PDB file of N, CA and C in Angstrom:
ATOM      1  N   MET A   1      15.104  27.403   3.558  1.00  0.00           N
ATOM      2  CA  MET A   1      14.306  26.051   3.823  1.00  0.00           C
ATOM      3  C   MET A   1      14.689  25.755   5.253  1.00  0.00           C
ATOM      4  N   ASP A   2      13.484  25.473   6.378  1.00  0.00           N
ATOM      5  CA  ASP A   2      13.544  25.451   7.588  1.00  0.00           C
ATOM      6  C   ASP A   2      14.035  23.828   7.310  1.00  0.00           C
ATOM      7  N   LYS A   3      13.655  23.306   8.554  1.00  0.00           N
ATOM      8  CA  LYS A   3      13.957  22.171   9.200  1.00  0.00           C
ATOM      9  C   LYS A   3      12.441  21.111   9.068  1.00  0.00           C
ATOM     10  N   GLN A   4      11.642  21.930   8.724  1.00  0.00           N
ATOM     11  CA  GLN A   4      10.033  21.295   8.760  1.00  0.00           C
ATOM     12  C   GLN A   4      10.496  20.734   7.102  1.00  0.00           C
ATOM     13  N   ASP A   5      10.642  22.051   6.200  1.00  0.00           N
ATOM     14  CA  ASP A   5      10.281  22.072   4.469  1.00  0.00           C
ATOM     15  C   ASP A   5      11.258  20.724   4.480  1.00  0.00           C
ATOM     16  N   LEU A   6      12.456  20.509   4.869  1.00  0.00           N
ATOM     17  CA  LEU A   6      13.755  20.107   4.576  1.00  0.00           C
ATOM     18  C   LEU A   6      13.156  18.235   4.954  1.00  0.00           C
ATOM     19  N   ARG A   7      12.987  18.339   5.949  1.00  0.00           N
ATOM     20  CA  ARG A   7      12.229  16.933   6.237  1.00  0.00           C
ATOM     21  C   ARG A   7      11.010  16.258   5.503  1.00  0.00           C
ATOM     22  N   GLY A   8       9.924  17.100   5.029  1.00  0.00           N
ATOM     23  CA  GLY A   8       9.069  17.008   3.855  1.00  0.00           C
ATOM     24  C   GLY A   8       9.562  16.927   2.841  1.00  0.00           C
ATOM     25  N   LEU A   9      10.733  17.244   2.535  1.00  0.00           N
ATOM     26  CA  LEU A   9      11.173  17.306   1.043  1.00  0.00           C
ATOM     27  C   LEU A   9      11.787  15.514   0.894  1.00  0.00           C
ATOM     28  N   LEU A  10      12.440  15.259   2.554  1.00  0.00           N
ATOM     29  CA  LEU A  10      13.335  14.159   2.215  1.00  0.00           C
ATOM     30  C   LEU A  10      12.338  12.662   2.129  1.00  0.00           C
ATOM     31  N   HIS A  11      11.316  13.194   2.918  1.00  0.00           N
ATOM     32  CA  HIS A  11      10.046  12.387   3.008  1.00  0.00           C
ATOM     33  C   HIS A  11       9.606  12.119   1.700  1.00  0.00           C
ATOM     34  N   ARG A  12       9.325  13.274   0.585  1.00  0.00           N
ATOM     35  CA  ARG A  12       8.734  12.637  -0.660  1.00  0.00           C
ATOM     36  C   ARG A  12       9.987  11.805  -1.333  1.00  0.00           C
ATOM     37  N   LEU A  13      11.036  11.987  -0.874  1.00  0.00           N
ATOM     38  CA  LEU A  13      12.096  11.637  -2.030  1.00  0.00           C
ATOM     39  C   LEU A  13      11.952  10.128  -1.495  1.00  0.00           C
ATOM     40  N   LYS A  14      12.108   9.727  -0.583  1.00  0.00           N
ATOM     41  CA  LYS A  14      12.246   8.808  -0.222  1.00  0.00           C
ATOM     42  C   LYS A  14      11.320   7.878  -0.434  1.00  0.00           C
ATOM     43  N   ARG A  15       9.894   8.029  -0.313  1.00  0.00           N
ATOM     44  CA  ARG A  15       8.914   7.523  -1.062  1.00  0.00           C
ATOM     45  C   ARG A  15       8.962   7.653  -2.300  1.00  0.00           C
ATOM     46  N   ARG A  16       9.238   8.383  -3.032  1.00  0.00           N
ATOM     47  CA  ARG A  16       9.560   7.899  -5.032  1.00  0.00           C
ATOM     48  C   ARG A  16      10.237   6.777  -4.860  1.00  0.00           C
ATOM     49  N   PHE A  17      11.547   6.959  -4.294  1.00  0.00           N
ATOM     50  CA  PHE A  17      12.638   5.551  -4.666  1.00  0.00           C
ATOM     51  C   PHE A  17      12.544   4.295  -3.853  1.00  0.00           C
ATOM     52  N   ASP A  18      11.477   4.230  -3.071  1.00  0.00           N
ATOM     53  CA  ASP A  18      11.908   3.216  -2.086  1.00  0.00           C
ATOM     54  C   ASP A  18      10.783   1.959  -2.816  1.00  0.00           C
ATOM     55  N   ARG A  19      11.938   1.248  -2.476  1.00  0.00           N
ATOM     56  CA  ARG A  19      11.553  -0.263  -3.553  1.00  0.00           C
ATOM     57  C   ARG A  19      10.781  -1.293  -2.088  1.00  0.00           C
ATOM     58  N   SER A  20      10.343  -1.233  -1.284  1.00  0.00           N
ATOM     59  CA  SER A  20       9.573  -1.754  -0.250  1.00  0.00           C
ATOM     60  C   SER A  20       8.335  -1.971  -0.694  1.00  0.00           C
ATOM     61  N   THR A  21       7.529  -3.110  -0.368  1.00  0.00           N
ATOM     62  CA  THR A  21       6.140  -3.428  -0.607  1.00  0.00           C
ATOM     63  C   THR A  21       5.697  -2.403   0.505  1.00  0.00           C
ATOM     64  N   PRO A  22       4.639  -1.859  -0.076  1.00  0.00           N
ATOM     65  CA  PRO A  22       3.277  -1.070   0.751  1.00  0.00           C
ATOM     66  C   PRO A  22       2.653  -1.838   1.880  1.00  0.00           C
ATOM     67  N   GLU A  23       2.422  -1.098   2.696  1.00  0.00           N
ATOM     68  CA  GLU A  23       1.601  -1.666   3.966  1.00  0.00           C
ATOM     69  C   GLU A  23       0.389  -1.371   4.108  1.00  0.00           C
ATOM     70  N   ALA A  24      -0.451  -2.720   4.388  1.00  0.00           N
ATOM     71  CA  ALA A  24      -1.810  -2.748   4.024  1.00  0.00           C
ATOM     72  C   ALA A  24      -2.841  -2.228   5.395  1.00  0.00           C
ATOM     73  N   LEU A  25      -3.879  -1.229   5.236  1.00  0.00           N
ATOM     74  CA  LEU A  25      -4.486  -0.864   6.412  1.00  0.00           C
ATOM     75  C   LEU A  25      -5.760  -1.018   6.633  1.00  0.00           C
ATOM     76  N   TYR A  26      -6.331  -1.020   7.739  1.00  0.00           N
ATOM     77  CA  TYR A  26      -7.696  -1.369   7.079  1.00  0.00           C
ATOM     78  C   TYR A  26      -8.611  -0.420   8.973  1.00  0.00           C
ATOM     79  N   VAL A  27      -9.846  -0.110   8.567  1.00  0.00           N
ATOM     80  CA  VAL A  27     -10.441   1.017   9.522  1.00  0.00           C
ATOM     81  C   VAL A  27     -10.596   0.177   9.986  1.00  0.00           C
ATOM     82  N   TYR A  28     -10.288   0.976  11.723  1.00  0.00           N
ATOM     83  CA  TYR A  28     -11.026   0.580  13.104  1.00  0.00           C
ATOM     84  C   TYR A  28     -11.463   1.855  13.760  1.00  0.00           C
ATOM     85  N   GLY A  29     -12.769   1.525  13.710  1.00  0.00           N
ATOM     86  CA  GLY A  29     -13.287   2.826  14.433  1.00  0.00           C
ATOM     87  C   GLY A  29     -12.890   4.070  13.418  1.00  0.00           C
ATOM     88  N   ARG A  30     -12.754   4.815  14.222  1.00  0.00           N
ATOM     89  CA  ARG A  30     -12.189   6.320  12.814  1.00  0.00           C
ATOM     90  C   ARG A  30     -10.418   6.108  12.913  1.00  0.00           C
ATOM     91  N   ARG A  31      -9.945   5.348  12.950  1.00  0.00           N
ATOM     92  CA  ARG A  31      -8.363   5.224  12.424  1.00  0.00           C
ATOM     93  C   ARG A  31      -8.213   4.347  11.896  1.00  0.00           C
ATOM     94  N   ALA A  32      -6.800   4.123  10.882  1.00  0.00           N
ATOM     95  CA  ALA A  32      -6.523   3.406   9.903  1.00  0.00           C
ATOM     96  C   ALA A  32      -5.382   2.594  10.490  1.00  0.00           C
ATOM     97  N   VAL A  33      -5.383   1.631  11.257  1.00  0.00           N
ATOM     98  CA  VAL A  33      -4.517   0.613  11.701  1.00  0.00           C
ATOM     99  C   VAL A  33      -4.063  -0.883  10.905  1.00  0.00           C
ATOM    100  N   PRO A  34      -2.738  -0.960  10.837  1.00  0.00           N
ATOM    101  CA  PRO A  34      -2.115  -2.212   9.910  1.00  0.00           C
ATOM    102  C   PRO A  34      -3.050  -3.228   9.736  1.00  0.00           C
ATOM    103  N   ALA A  35      -3.158  -3.877   8.722  1.00  0.00           N
ATOM    104  CA  ALA A  35      -3.935  -5.217   7.961  1.00  0.00           C
ATOM    105  C   ALA A  35      -2.807  -6.068   8.440  1.00  0.00           C
ATOM    106  N   ALA A  36      -3.050  -7.655   8.532  1.00  0.00           N
ATOM    107  CA  ALA A  36      -2.217  -8.430   7.760  1.00  0.00           C
ATOM    108  C   ALA A  36      -1.705  -8.580   6.389  1.00  0.00           C
ATOM    109  N   GLY A  37      -2.712  -8.204   5.850  1.00  0.00           N
ATOM    110  CA  GLY A  37      -2.687  -8.227   3.856  1.00  0.00           C
ATOM    111  C   GLY A  37      -3.725  -7.700   3.538  1.00  0.00           C
ATOM    112  N   PHE A  38      -3.261  -7.154   2.094  1.00  0.00           N
ATOM    113  CA  PHE A  38      -4.335  -6.611   1.342  1.00  0.00           C
ATOM    114  C   PHE A  38      -5.308  -7.728   1.120  1.00  0.00           C
ATOM    115  N   SER A  39      -6.918  -6.987   0.565  1.00  0.00           N
ATOM    116  CA  SER A  39      -7.657  -8.187   0.557  1.00  0.00           C
ATOM    117  C   SER A  39      -8.099  -8.799  -1.089  1.00  0.00           C
ATOM    118  N   MET A  40      -8.716  -9.402  -1.005  1.00  0.00           N
ATOM    119  CA  MET A  40      -8.835 -10.128  -2.740  1.00  0.00           C
ATOM    120  C   MET A  40      -9.352  -8.643  -3.651  1.00  0.00           C
ATOM    121  N   ASN A  41     -10.473  -8.282  -3.185  1.00  0.00           N
ATOM    122  CA  ASN A  41     -10.866  -7.072  -3.782  1.00  0.00           C
ATOM    123  C   ASN A  41      -9.776  -5.768  -3.954  1.00  0.00           C
ATOM    124  N   GLU A  42      -9.196  -5.480  -2.812  1.00  0.00           N
ATOM    125  CA  GLU A  42      -8.030  -4.483  -3.216  1.00  0.00           C
ATOM    126  C   GLU A  42      -7.275  -4.620  -4.402  1.00  0.00           C
ATOM    127  N   LEU A  43      -6.956  -6.102  -4.465  1.00  0.00           N
ATOM    128  CA  LEU A  43      -5.700  -6.885  -5.651  1.00  0.00           C
ATOM    129  C   LEU A  43      -6.406  -6.980  -6.706  1.00  0.00           C
ATOM    130  N   PHE A  44      -7.841  -6.875  -6.609  1.00  0.00           N
ATOM    131  CA  PHE A  44      -8.543  -6.801  -8.265  1.00  0.00           C
ATOM    132  C   PHE A  44      -8.793  -5.538  -8.467  1.00  0.00           C
ATOM    133  N   GLU A  45      -9.227  -4.452  -8.009  1.00  0.00           N
ATOM    134  CA  GLU A  45      -9.133  -3.213  -7.909  1.00  0.00           C
ATOM    135  C   GLU A  45      -7.762  -2.688  -9.068  1.00  0.00           C
ATOM    136  N   ALA A  46      -6.988  -3.056  -8.217  1.00  0.00           N
ATOM    137  CA  ALA A  46      -5.339  -2.775  -8.498  1.00  0.00           C
ATOM    138  C   ALA A  46      -4.985  -3.625 -10.151  1.00  0.00           C
ATOM    139  N   GLY A  47      -5.257  -4.548 -10.302  1.00  0.00           N
ATOM    140  CA  GLY A  47      -5.292  -5.065 -11.470  1.00  0.00           C
ATOM    141  C   GLY A  47      -4.386  -6.559 -10.875  1.00  0.00           C
ATOM    142  N   ILE A  48      -4.377  -6.701  -9.844  1.00  0.00           N
ATOM    143  CA  ILE A  48      -3.322  -8.095  -9.420  1.00  0.00           C
ATOM    144  C   ILE A  48      -4.374  -9.333  -9.003  1.00  0.00           C
ATOM    145  N   SER A  49      -3.532 -10.413  -9.408  1.00  0.00           N
ATOM    146  CA  SER A  49      -4.223 -12.282  -9.182  1.00  0.00           C
ATOM    147  C   SER A  49      -3.305 -12.108  -7.992  1.00  0.00           C
ATOM    148  N   ALA A  50      -3.870 -12.648  -7.284  1.00  0.00           N
ATOM    149  CA  ALA A  50      -3.541 -13.525  -5.882  1.00  0.00           C
ATOM    150  C   ALA A  50      -1.811 -14.120  -6.129  1.00  0.00           C
ATOM    151  N   GLN A  51      -1.810 -14.886  -7.349  1.00  0.00           N
ATOM    152  CA  GLN A  51      -0.840 -15.188  -7.441  1.00  0.00           C
ATOM    153  C   GLN A  51       0.722 -14.565  -7.621  1.00  0.00           C
ATOM    154  N   GLU A  52       0.511 -13.006  -8.654  1.00  0.00           N
ATOM    155  CA  GLU A  52       0.965 -12.166  -8.879  1.00  0.00           C
ATOM    156  C   GLU A  52       1.300 -11.527  -7.374  1.00  0.00           C
ATOM    157  N   ALA A  53       0.411 -11.514  -7.015  1.00  0.00           N
ATOM    158  CA  ALA A  53       0.896 -10.730  -5.550  1.00  0.00           C
ATOM    159  C   ALA A  53       2.089 -11.184  -4.448  1.00  0.00           C
ATOM    160  N   GLU A  54       1.603 -12.697  -4.687  1.00  0.00           N
ATOM    161  CA  GLU A  54       3.071 -13.340  -3.899  1.00  0.00           C
ATOM    162  C   GLU A  54       4.001 -13.687  -4.837  1.00  0.00           C
ATOM    163  N   LEU A  55       4.224 -13.284  -5.831  1.00  0.00           N
ATOM    164  CA  LEU A  55       5.471 -13.205  -6.862  1.00  0.00           C
ATOM    165  C   LEU A  55       6.056 -12.076  -6.204  1.00  0.00           C
ATOM    166  N   LEU A  56       5.415 -10.468  -5.921  1.00  0.00           N
ATOM    167  CA  LEU A  56       5.689  -9.621  -5.436  1.00  0.00           C
ATOM    168  C   LEU A  56       6.173  -9.319  -4.331  1.00  0.00           C
ATOM    169  N   GLY A  57       5.651 -10.430  -3.546  1.00  0.00           N
ATOM    170  CA  GLY A  57       6.312 -10.209  -2.297  1.00  0.00           C
ATOM    171  C   GLY A  57       5.137  -9.713  -1.089  1.00  0.00           C
ATOM    172  N   LEU A  58       4.268  -9.353  -1.808  1.00  0.00           N
ATOM    173  CA  LEU A  58       2.483  -8.543  -1.352  1.00  0.00           C
ATOM    174  C   LEU A  58       2.073  -9.816  -0.076  1.00  0.00           C
ATOM    175  N   ARG A  59       1.702  -9.386   0.826  1.00  0.00           N
ATOM    176  CA  ARG A  59       0.965  -9.920   1.809  1.00  0.00           C
ATOM    177  C   ARG A  59      -0.617 -10.004   1.288  1.00  0.00           C
ATOM    178  N   VAL A  60      -1.202 -11.508   1.303  1.00  0.00           N
ATOM    179  CA  VAL A  60      -2.701 -11.463   0.850  1.00  0.00           C
ATOM    180  C   VAL A  60      -3.389 -12.161   2.446  1.00  0.00           C
ATOM    181  N   ASP A  61      -4.848 -11.069   2.314  1.00  0.00           N
ATOM    182  CA  ASP A  61      -5.158 -11.517   3.683  1.00  0.00           C
ATOM    183  C   ASP A  61      -6.777 -12.235   3.098  1.00  0.00           C
ATOM    184  N   ALA A  62      -6.827 -13.536   2.938  1.00  0.00           N
ATOM    185  CA  ALA A  62      -8.247 -13.758   2.174  1.00  0.00           C
ATOM    186  C   ALA A  62      -9.179 -13.540   2.899  1.00  0.00           C
ATOM    187  N   GLN A  63      -9.287 -13.099   4.336  1.00  0.00           N
ATOM    188  CA  GLN A  63     -10.445 -13.406   5.133  1.00  0.00           C
ATOM    189  C   GLN A  63     -10.867 -11.513   5.041  1.00  0.00           C
ATOM    190  N   ARG A  64     -10.343 -10.591   4.833  1.00  0.00           N
ATOM    191  CA  ARG A  64     -10.588  -9.638   4.954  1.00  0.00           C
ATOM    192  C   ARG A  64     -11.607  -9.467   3.290  1.00  0.00           C
ATOM    193  N   MET A  65     -12.844  -8.855   3.731  1.00  0.00           N
ATOM    194  CA  MET A  65     -13.733  -8.585   2.588  1.00  0.00           C
ATOM    195  C   MET A  65     -13.623  -6.905   2.169  1.00  0.00           C
ATOM    196  N   SER A  66     -13.104  -5.909   3.127  1.00  0.00           N
ATOM    197  CA  SER A  66     -13.573  -4.453   2.695  1.00  0.00           C
ATOM    198  C   SER A  66     -12.137  -4.368   1.581  1.00  0.00           C
ATOM    199  N   SER A  67     -12.547  -3.226   1.058  1.00  0.00           N
ATOM    200  CA  SER A  67     -11.491  -2.590  -0.064  1.00  0.00           C
ATOM    201  C   SER A  67     -11.756  -1.022   0.526  1.00  0.00           C
ATOM    202  N   LEU A  68     -10.202  -0.585   0.713  1.00  0.00           N
ATOM    203  CA  LEU A  68     -10.029   0.344   1.242  1.00  0.00           C
ATOM    204  C   LEU A  68      -9.058   1.002   0.081  1.00  0.00           C
ATOM    205  N   GLY A  69      -9.458   2.476  -0.062  1.00  0.00           N
ATOM    206  CA  GLY A  69      -8.861   3.110  -1.774  1.00  0.00           C
ATOM    207  C   GLY A  69      -7.518   3.199  -1.240  1.00  0.00           C
ATOM    208  N   THR A  70      -7.157   3.832   0.264  1.00  0.00           N
ATOM    209  CA  THR A  70      -5.884   4.068   0.027  1.00  0.00           C
ATOM    210  C   THR A  70      -4.913   2.991  -0.148  1.00  0.00           C
ATOM    211  N   ASN A  71      -5.204   1.909   0.259  1.00  0.00           N
ATOM    212  CA  ASN A  71      -4.555   0.334  -0.120  1.00  0.00           C
ATOM    213  C   ASN A  71      -4.474   0.566  -1.884  1.00  0.00           C
ATOM    214  N   VAL A  72      -5.448   0.462  -2.268  1.00  0.00           N
ATOM    215  CA  VAL A  72      -5.776   0.591  -3.952  1.00  0.00           C
ATOM    216  C   VAL A  72      -4.806   1.543  -4.451  1.00  0.00           C
ATOM    217  N   GLU A  73      -4.860   2.466  -3.880  1.00  0.00           N
ATOM    218  CA  GLU A  73      -3.407   3.336  -4.407  1.00  0.00           C
ATOM    219  C   GLU A  73      -2.448   3.304  -3.872  1.00  0.00           C
ATOM    220  N   ALA A  74      -2.084   2.817  -3.001  1.00  0.00           N
ATOM    221  CA  ALA A  74      -1.025   1.832  -2.874  1.00  0.00           C
ATOM    222  C   ALA A  74      -0.004   1.266  -3.354  1.00  0.00           C
ATOM    223  N   LEU A  75      -0.864   0.183  -3.972  1.00  0.00           N
ATOM    224  CA  LEU A  75      -0.892  -0.756  -4.813  1.00  0.00           C
ATOM    225  C   LEU A  75      -0.585  -0.663  -6.146  1.00  0.00           C
ATOM    226  N   ARG A  76      -1.308   0.446  -6.583  1.00  0.00           N
ATOM    227  CA  ARG A  76      -0.940   0.861  -8.052  1.00  0.00           C
ATOM    228  C   ARG A  76       0.014   1.982  -7.893  1.00  0.00           C
ATOM    229  N   ASP A  77       0.184   2.294  -7.209  1.00  0.00           N
ATOM    230  CA  ASP A  77       1.902   3.345  -6.733  1.00  0.00           C
ATOM    231  C   ASP A  77       3.025   2.333  -7.049  1.00  0.00           C
ATOM    232  N   PHE A  78       2.893   1.240  -6.023  1.00  0.00           N
ATOM    233  CA  PHE A  78       3.684   0.285  -5.953  1.00  0.00           C
ATOM    234  C   PHE A  78       4.170  -0.768  -7.327  1.00  0.00           C
ATOM    235  N   LEU A  79       3.057  -0.638  -8.526  1.00  0.00           N
ATOM    236  CA  LEU A  79       3.003  -1.457  -9.405  1.00  0.00           C
ATOM    237  C   LEU A  79       4.109  -0.038 -10.842  1.00  0.00           C
ATOM    238  N   ALA A  80       3.220   1.308 -10.498  1.00  0.00           N
ATOM    239  CA  ALA A  80       4.154   2.026 -11.271  1.00  0.00           C
ATOM    240  C   ALA A  80       5.341   1.945 -11.147  1.00  0.00           C
ATOM    241  N   ARG A  81       6.218   1.962  -9.791  1.00  0.00           N
ATOM    242  CA  ARG A  81       7.603   1.921  -9.456  1.00  0.00           C
ATOM    243  C   ARG A  81       8.599   0.772  -9.635  1.00  0.00           C
ATOM    244  N   ARG A  82       7.702  -0.296 -10.262  1.00  0.00           N
ATOM    245  CA  ARG A  82       8.089  -1.334 -10.676  1.00  0.00           C
ATOM    246  C   ARG A  82       8.701  -1.728 -12.111  1.00  0.00           C
TER     247      ARG A  82
END
């Protein structure tokens, strides 16, 4: 196992056991940049209400209207780990 394989393995293990809240992203041009919080649509698709999101420590951006699939997946993974 070389250095790159070990780094990838450690990254996967860290993601699996990490208890921190996920980071919201939005697409700006062709790249994803950090957002102020998750949109209401993303929370709805993941099955979380705004009140539950605040209790879980998730940031909510009520002004954002878009819904990014990676954010929804990150929320679902976060709920599965809890």
